[in-house]
Protein backbone atom coordinates (compact mmCIF):
# COMPACT_ATOMS: atom_id res chain seq x y z
CA MET A 1 113.33 109.43 108.66
CA ASN A 2 114.99 109.79 105.28
CA VAL A 3 113.85 113.34 104.42
CA ARG A 4 114.79 112.91 100.75
CA CYS A 5 112.53 109.82 100.51
CA ALA A 6 109.78 111.68 102.40
CA ALA A 7 109.16 113.95 99.41
CA THR A 8 106.72 112.05 97.31
CA LEU A 9 104.62 115.14 97.00
CA GLY A 10 101.59 114.36 95.04
CA LEU A 11 103.21 116.68 94.00
CA GLY A 12 102.70 114.95 97.26
CA LEU A 13 104.92 114.48 100.18
CA LEU A 14 104.36 111.61 102.58
CA LEU A 15 106.07 112.01 105.88
CA GLY A 16 107.18 108.75 107.33
CA GLY A 17 109.43 107.13 104.81
CA CYS A 18 109.58 106.29 101.12
CA ALA A 19 106.50 105.32 99.15
CA GLU A 20 106.23 103.52 95.83
CA PRO A 21 105.34 105.72 92.83
CA PRO A 22 101.61 106.06 92.42
CA PRO A 23 99.94 103.70 89.92
CA PRO A 24 99.30 105.12 86.43
CA GLU A 25 95.61 105.77 87.09
CA GLN A 26 96.65 108.41 89.67
CA GLY A 27 98.55 110.48 87.14
CA PHE A 28 102.05 111.94 87.48
CA ALA A 29 103.08 112.18 91.19
CA GLY A 30 99.55 111.33 92.23
CA LEU A 31 97.99 114.58 90.86
CA GLY A 32 95.25 112.58 89.15
CA ARG A 33 94.08 110.92 92.43
CA GLU A 34 90.44 111.29 93.32
CA SER A 35 89.78 114.33 95.59
CA ALA A 36 86.61 113.58 97.53
CA GLY A 37 86.13 116.02 100.35
CA PHE A 38 88.26 118.79 98.84
CA ALA A 39 86.88 121.87 97.11
CA ALA A 40 86.33 121.51 93.33
CA VAL A 41 87.61 123.88 90.62
CA VAL A 42 84.62 125.10 88.59
CA PRO A 43 84.36 127.49 85.60
CA GLY A 44 83.00 130.93 86.17
CA ALA A 45 84.51 131.60 89.59
CA SER A 46 86.05 135.06 90.08
CA LEU A 47 89.57 135.38 91.37
CA GLU A 48 89.91 138.01 94.07
CA PHE A 49 93.03 139.96 95.05
CA PRO A 50 94.85 140.24 97.41
CA ALA A 51 93.10 137.20 98.96
CA ASP A 52 94.08 134.82 96.14
CA HIS A 53 97.75 135.58 96.64
CA GLY A 54 97.40 133.57 99.89
CA ALA A 55 96.66 129.95 100.66
CA HIS A 56 93.44 128.09 99.77
CA PRO A 57 93.03 125.50 102.54
CA ASP A 58 89.88 123.95 101.01
CA PHE A 59 91.93 122.71 98.04
CA ARG A 60 94.40 119.84 98.18
CA ILE A 61 97.38 121.24 96.24
CA GLU A 62 98.78 124.65 95.32
CA TRP A 63 102.04 126.39 94.56
CA TRP A 64 103.84 129.76 94.44
CA TYR A 65 106.38 129.69 91.66
CA VAL A 66 108.95 132.23 90.45
CA THR A 67 111.43 131.96 87.57
CA ALA A 68 113.88 134.58 86.23
CA ASN A 69 116.15 134.81 83.23
CA LEU A 70 119.19 136.81 84.38
CA SER A 71 122.45 138.12 83.08
CA ASP A 72 125.51 139.68 84.71
CA ALA A 73 127.62 142.69 83.57
CA GLN A 74 129.66 140.43 81.27
CA GLY A 75 126.51 139.10 79.51
CA ARG A 76 126.74 135.62 81.13
CA GLU A 77 123.24 134.09 81.43
CA TYR A 78 121.63 132.43 84.46
CA GLY A 79 118.23 131.13 85.44
CA VAL A 80 116.70 131.09 88.91
CA GLN A 81 113.73 129.11 90.16
CA TRP A 82 111.86 129.38 93.52
CA THR A 83 108.79 127.22 94.31
CA LEU A 84 106.68 126.59 97.43
CA PHE A 85 104.13 123.75 97.32
CA ARG A 86 101.37 123.23 99.85
CA HIS A 87 99.75 119.84 100.03
CA ALA A 88 96.89 118.93 102.33
CA LEU A 89 96.91 115.33 103.62
CA ARG A 90 93.11 115.45 104.31
CA PRO A 91 90.15 117.83 103.97
CA GLY A 92 89.95 120.33 106.80
CA ALA A 93 93.68 120.17 107.47
CA ASP A 94 94.13 123.82 108.41
CA HIS A 95 94.53 123.63 112.18
CA PRO A 96 97.09 125.28 114.51
CA GLY A 97 99.98 123.37 115.93
CA TRP A 98 100.95 119.76 115.22
CA GLU A 99 97.34 118.88 114.28
CA ASN A 100 97.89 120.84 111.05
CA GLY A 101 97.70 118.50 108.07
CA ASN A 102 99.33 120.83 105.50
CA LEU A 103 102.79 119.79 104.26
CA PHE A 104 105.05 122.24 102.49
CA LEU A 105 107.85 121.55 100.01
CA GLY A 106 110.31 124.19 98.74
CA HIS A 107 112.44 123.88 95.60
CA ALA A 108 115.14 126.30 94.57
CA GLY A 109 117.64 126.23 91.70
CA VAL A 110 120.30 128.26 89.85
CA THR A 111 121.31 127.35 86.32
CA GLY A 112 124.06 128.65 84.05
CA GLU A 113 125.50 127.29 80.84
CA GLU A 114 127.98 125.11 82.74
CA VAL A 115 126.42 124.84 86.17
CA HIS A 116 123.15 123.63 87.73
CA ARG A 117 122.38 123.63 91.42
CA ALA A 118 119.21 122.63 93.23
CA ALA A 119 117.97 122.28 96.79
CA GLU A 120 114.75 121.43 98.61
CA ARG A 121 113.16 122.04 102.00
CA LEU A 122 110.36 120.05 103.77
CA ALA A 123 108.06 121.28 106.59
CA ARG A 124 104.70 120.84 108.25
CA GLY A 125 102.30 123.77 108.50
CA GLY A 126 100.88 125.15 111.66
CA VAL A 127 104.10 125.39 113.65
CA GLY A 128 105.78 128.43 112.13
CA GLN A 129 108.31 126.62 109.96
CA ALA A 130 106.38 127.19 106.72
CA GLY A 131 103.27 128.99 105.61
CA VAL A 132 101.62 131.68 103.48
CA GLU A 133 99.99 135.02 104.26
CA ALA A 134 98.05 137.04 101.70
CA ASP A 135 98.25 140.77 102.40
CA PRO A 136 101.04 141.55 102.03
CA LEU A 137 102.14 138.31 100.44
CA ARG A 138 104.52 136.26 102.60
CA ALA A 139 105.31 132.69 101.58
CA TRP A 140 108.12 131.00 103.36
CA ILE A 141 109.77 127.72 104.33
CA ASP A 142 112.63 128.02 106.82
CA ASP A 143 114.59 131.13 105.62
CA TRP A 144 113.41 130.85 102.01
CA THR A 145 111.01 133.68 101.37
CA LEU A 146 108.85 135.25 98.72
CA GLY A 147 107.21 138.44 100.03
CA GLY A 148 105.71 141.86 99.26
CA ASP A 149 102.94 143.09 97.12
CA PRO A 150 102.71 141.42 93.66
CA GLU A 151 101.33 144.64 92.20
CA THR A 152 103.99 147.00 93.61
CA GLY A 153 107.07 144.86 94.26
CA MET A 154 108.37 141.70 95.98
CA GLN A 155 111.62 140.06 97.06
CA VAL A 156 112.58 136.42 96.73
CA HIS A 157 115.39 134.60 98.54
CA ALA A 158 116.71 131.09 98.86
CA ARG A 159 119.99 129.46 99.88
CA GLY A 160 121.36 125.97 99.28
CA ALA A 161 124.66 124.30 100.22
CA ASP A 162 126.47 125.72 97.19
CA PHE A 163 124.37 128.68 95.97
CA ALA A 164 122.19 131.52 97.10
CA TYR A 165 120.20 134.40 95.59
CA THR A 166 118.23 137.46 96.64
CA LEU A 167 116.21 139.27 94.02
CA ARG A 168 113.92 142.25 93.98
CA LEU A 169 110.94 141.78 91.63
CA GLU A 170 109.43 144.98 90.23
CA PRO A 171 106.21 144.79 88.21
CA GLN A 172 106.28 146.20 84.68
CA GLY A 173 102.76 145.16 83.66
CA PRO A 174 99.58 143.58 84.95
CA LEU A 175 98.66 140.24 86.46
CA VAL A 176 97.23 137.83 83.88
CA LEU A 177 94.43 135.32 84.36
CA GLN A 178 95.24 132.10 82.53
CA GLY A 179 92.69 130.01 80.61
CA GLU A 180 89.07 131.14 80.94
CA ARG A 181 89.51 134.11 83.35
CA GLY A 182 91.63 131.99 85.63
CA TYR A 183 89.99 128.62 85.02
CA SER A 184 92.67 126.52 83.36
CA ARG A 185 91.56 123.23 81.87
CA LYS A 186 94.00 120.34 82.07
CA SER A 187 92.12 117.58 80.30
CA ALA A 188 89.08 116.86 78.10
CA GLY A 189 87.63 115.06 81.12
CA GLY A 190 87.21 118.19 83.23
CA GLN A 191 90.36 118.29 85.39
CA ALA A 192 91.34 121.93 85.92
CA SER A 193 93.07 124.46 88.19
CA TYR A 194 92.70 128.09 89.06
CA TYR A 195 95.74 129.77 87.54
CA TYR A 196 97.06 133.30 87.25
CA SER A 197 100.49 134.71 86.45
CA HIS A 198 102.60 137.80 86.80
CA PRO A 199 104.64 137.64 83.55
CA PHE A 200 105.83 141.27 83.59
CA LEU A 201 108.33 141.27 86.46
CA GLN A 202 111.82 142.71 86.33
CA ALA A 203 114.42 141.16 88.64
CA THR A 204 117.55 142.78 90.06
CA GLY A 205 119.82 141.36 92.74
CA THR A 206 122.68 139.00 93.52
CA LEU A 207 123.62 135.39 93.08
CA GLU A 208 126.19 133.64 95.21
CA LEU A 209 127.86 130.83 93.27
CA ASP A 210 131.16 129.04 93.83
CA GLY A 211 132.27 131.73 96.29
CA ARG A 212 131.47 134.58 93.86
CA ARG A 213 128.92 137.30 94.41
CA ILE A 214 127.32 138.19 91.04
CA GLU A 215 125.11 141.18 90.31
CA VAL A 216 122.32 140.22 87.94
CA ARG A 217 119.19 141.53 86.31
CA GLY A 218 116.57 140.33 83.82
CA PRO A 219 112.88 139.44 83.33
CA ALA A 220 111.02 137.28 85.79
CA TRP A 221 107.67 135.43 85.91
CA MET A 222 105.43 134.43 88.86
CA ASP A 223 102.79 131.66 88.63
CA ARG A 224 100.07 130.85 91.10
CA GLU A 225 97.99 127.71 90.78
CA TRP A 226 95.66 125.68 93.00
CA SER A 227 93.40 122.68 92.56
CA SER A 228 92.32 119.45 94.23
CA GLN A 229 92.76 117.15 91.22
CA PRO A 230 94.63 118.97 88.43
CA LEU A 231 95.41 115.92 86.25
CA ALA A 232 93.54 113.06 84.65
CA GLY A 233 94.52 109.66 85.97
CA ASP A 234 96.37 108.66 82.77
CA GLN A 235 98.36 111.88 82.40
CA GLN A 236 101.99 110.89 82.99
CA GLY A 237 103.81 114.17 82.84
CA TRP A 238 103.90 117.60 81.24
CA ASP A 239 106.04 120.06 79.26
CA TRP A 240 105.42 123.70 80.34
CA PHE A 241 106.87 126.83 78.68
CA SER A 242 106.90 130.46 79.84
CA LEU A 243 108.46 132.61 77.06
CA ARG A 244 109.24 136.33 76.96
CA LEU A 245 109.67 137.48 73.35
CA ASP A 246 111.81 140.37 72.21
CA ASP A 247 108.76 142.37 71.00
CA GLY A 248 107.34 142.43 74.53
CA SER A 249 104.76 139.71 74.10
CA ARG A 250 104.64 136.65 76.34
CA LEU A 251 103.52 133.05 75.78
CA MET A 252 102.54 130.39 78.31
CA ALA A 253 102.00 126.96 76.75
CA PHE A 254 101.87 123.41 78.06
CA GLN A 255 101.19 119.88 76.94
CA LEU A 256 100.04 117.07 79.25
CA ARG A 257 101.05 113.66 78.01
CA HIS A 258 98.58 110.82 78.32
CA ALA A 259 99.45 107.12 78.42
CA GLY A 260 99.15 105.78 74.91
CA GLY A 261 100.59 108.92 73.27
CA ALA A 262 97.67 111.37 73.29
CA ARG A 263 98.43 114.97 74.30
CA TYR A 264 96.33 117.78 75.85
CA LEU A 265 97.65 121.24 74.80
CA SER A 266 96.67 124.69 76.04
CA GLY A 267 98.18 128.12 76.43
CA THR A 268 97.76 131.86 76.70
CA TRP A 269 99.04 134.59 74.33
CA ILE A 270 99.85 137.83 76.16
CA THR A 271 100.42 141.04 74.33
CA ALA A 272 103.11 143.57 75.38
CA ASP A 273 100.49 145.63 77.16
CA GLY A 274 99.08 142.61 79.07
CA GLU A 275 96.02 141.66 77.02
CA ALA A 276 95.60 137.87 77.34
CA SER A 277 93.96 135.49 74.88
CA ALA A 278 93.39 131.80 75.66
CA LEU A 279 94.80 129.36 73.07
CA ASP A 280 93.02 126.14 72.31
CA GLY A 281 95.28 123.19 71.79
CA HIS A 282 94.67 122.98 67.99
CA LEU A 283 96.41 126.39 67.67
CA ILE A 284 99.67 125.20 69.27
CA ALA A 285 102.26 123.14 67.38
CA LEU A 286 104.83 121.68 69.70
CA GLU A 287 107.32 118.99 68.89
CA PRO A 288 110.75 117.90 70.30
CA VAL A 289 113.71 118.36 67.93
CA ALA A 290 116.63 116.97 69.95
CA HIS A 291 117.13 115.03 73.21
CA THR A 292 119.82 114.98 75.93
CA ARG A 293 120.57 111.91 78.01
CA VAL A 294 120.54 113.09 81.65
CA ALA A 295 120.01 111.12 84.84
CA GLY A 296 119.55 107.96 82.78
CA ARG A 297 116.67 109.45 80.74
CA GLN A 298 116.25 110.85 77.29
CA VAL A 299 114.91 114.33 77.85
CA PRO A 300 113.85 116.71 74.99
CA THR A 301 115.98 119.87 75.36
CA VAL A 302 115.35 121.47 71.96
CA TRP A 303 111.73 122.11 70.82
CA ARG A 304 109.95 123.46 67.76
CA LEU A 305 107.00 125.66 68.73
CA ALA A 306 104.44 127.69 66.75
CA VAL A 307 101.13 129.33 67.50
CA ARG A 308 98.74 129.71 64.54
CA GLY A 309 98.13 133.40 63.71
CA ARG A 310 100.52 134.56 66.42
CA LEU A 311 103.94 133.03 66.22
CA ALA A 312 105.62 131.41 63.25
CA GLY A 313 107.99 128.52 64.05
CA VAL A 314 110.67 129.12 66.72
CA GLU A 315 113.29 126.97 68.26
CA VAL A 316 113.27 126.75 72.04
CA ARG A 317 116.67 125.51 73.26
CA ALA A 318 117.80 124.79 76.80
CA LEU A 319 120.55 127.07 78.09
CA ASN A 320 121.94 124.02 79.96
CA PRO A 321 120.57 120.70 78.72
CA ARG A 322 121.60 118.97 81.95
CA ALA A 323 119.40 121.01 84.26
CA TRP A 324 117.94 118.00 86.07
CA MET A 325 116.38 118.69 89.44
CA ASP A 326 117.61 115.64 91.34
CA LEU A 327 115.27 116.10 94.26
CA GLY A 328 112.67 113.92 96.02
CA THR A 329 110.34 114.25 93.01
CA PRO A 330 112.90 114.57 90.17
CA TYR A 331 112.19 116.62 86.97
CA TRP A 332 113.92 118.88 84.42
CA GLU A 333 113.74 122.61 84.89
CA GLY A 334 115.83 125.45 83.43
CA PRO A 335 116.11 128.58 81.30
CA VAL A 336 115.71 128.48 77.59
CA ARG A 337 116.55 130.67 74.59
CA VAL A 338 114.11 131.37 71.75
CA ALA A 339 115.35 131.85 68.13
CA GLY A 340 113.81 131.80 64.67
CA ALA A 341 110.73 133.84 63.74
CA ALA A 342 111.13 135.63 67.07
CA GLY A 343 113.84 135.84 69.67
CA GLY A 344 113.51 135.77 73.42
CA VAL A 345 114.13 133.87 76.66
CA GLY A 346 112.04 131.87 79.05
CA TYR A 347 111.75 128.82 81.22
CA LEU A 348 110.86 125.15 80.62
CA GLU A 349 109.65 122.54 83.03
CA MET A 350 109.36 118.83 82.06
CA THR A 351 108.09 116.05 84.27
CA GLY A 352 107.46 112.33 83.87
CA TYR A 353 110.63 111.42 81.87
């Protein structure tokens, strides 16, 4: 089996060979596909910890996601990404052994101004190769791990053919519930996810890159999200920002792009002490300023962003415009710098280009 072709993660992976891309009515990577038999995301549910750090087998898709903006002793900048996806092939998939119908996909990357490296791992659940435990958190695929207590400290590790990293993640502030106390709307038609973040992590550790061992430190961000149908059928991709501003405030903002040009925008403004305010789409102004041709696509790598009453116009610029994740499901992902009415750093993920 061609493992690279096997990753058509909806953000699906299909074991058993390559599949054609899903039709437009299923949304980007099949995330708008109907989800009969799986649990539904509904407003008003209460997130519970530490249980919600772990897996949610009644839901079809979820992910554990860490990014970090790092610098070395000479001031050189790097970005690190670690993601584990769980995708259930059918309702009731959580069985031991080879009857388990949960598939796992790991993505890891390291980005600098002149370098971008990425790798992926694929595994089936139930046989020990990949999985998630809640208390303490342990998410793993092969030897890639994210573990510890999100409220007291964690460690994240990954290794590819030409890079590696091990980081300690120390909390400097509280967990944040995105959207309406963890209920994050993704369309006017009712698609949604449960979504919380840890935007106040401080990372310290090492990168291994081109035979060099590099001591690094900087702010980090962890996202947790789960759903059964997070997109509408005509949503063809997204642009997602996590920004850490120099005054200590944070911003999460995204737009989902519909066929025909419509957009659905949402976000959360987070003060320096962790108070979160949901942002309706009409409060967010987000427009591309410049594009980079990468992997045969025109990808917006400089953006203009503003939040009414919170943030006057800033420019969000990719540290490395060529940070294309050339994996089974390809997309752009990398660190960004913020300049203008406020300074800062962050991460940008773009799909569907």
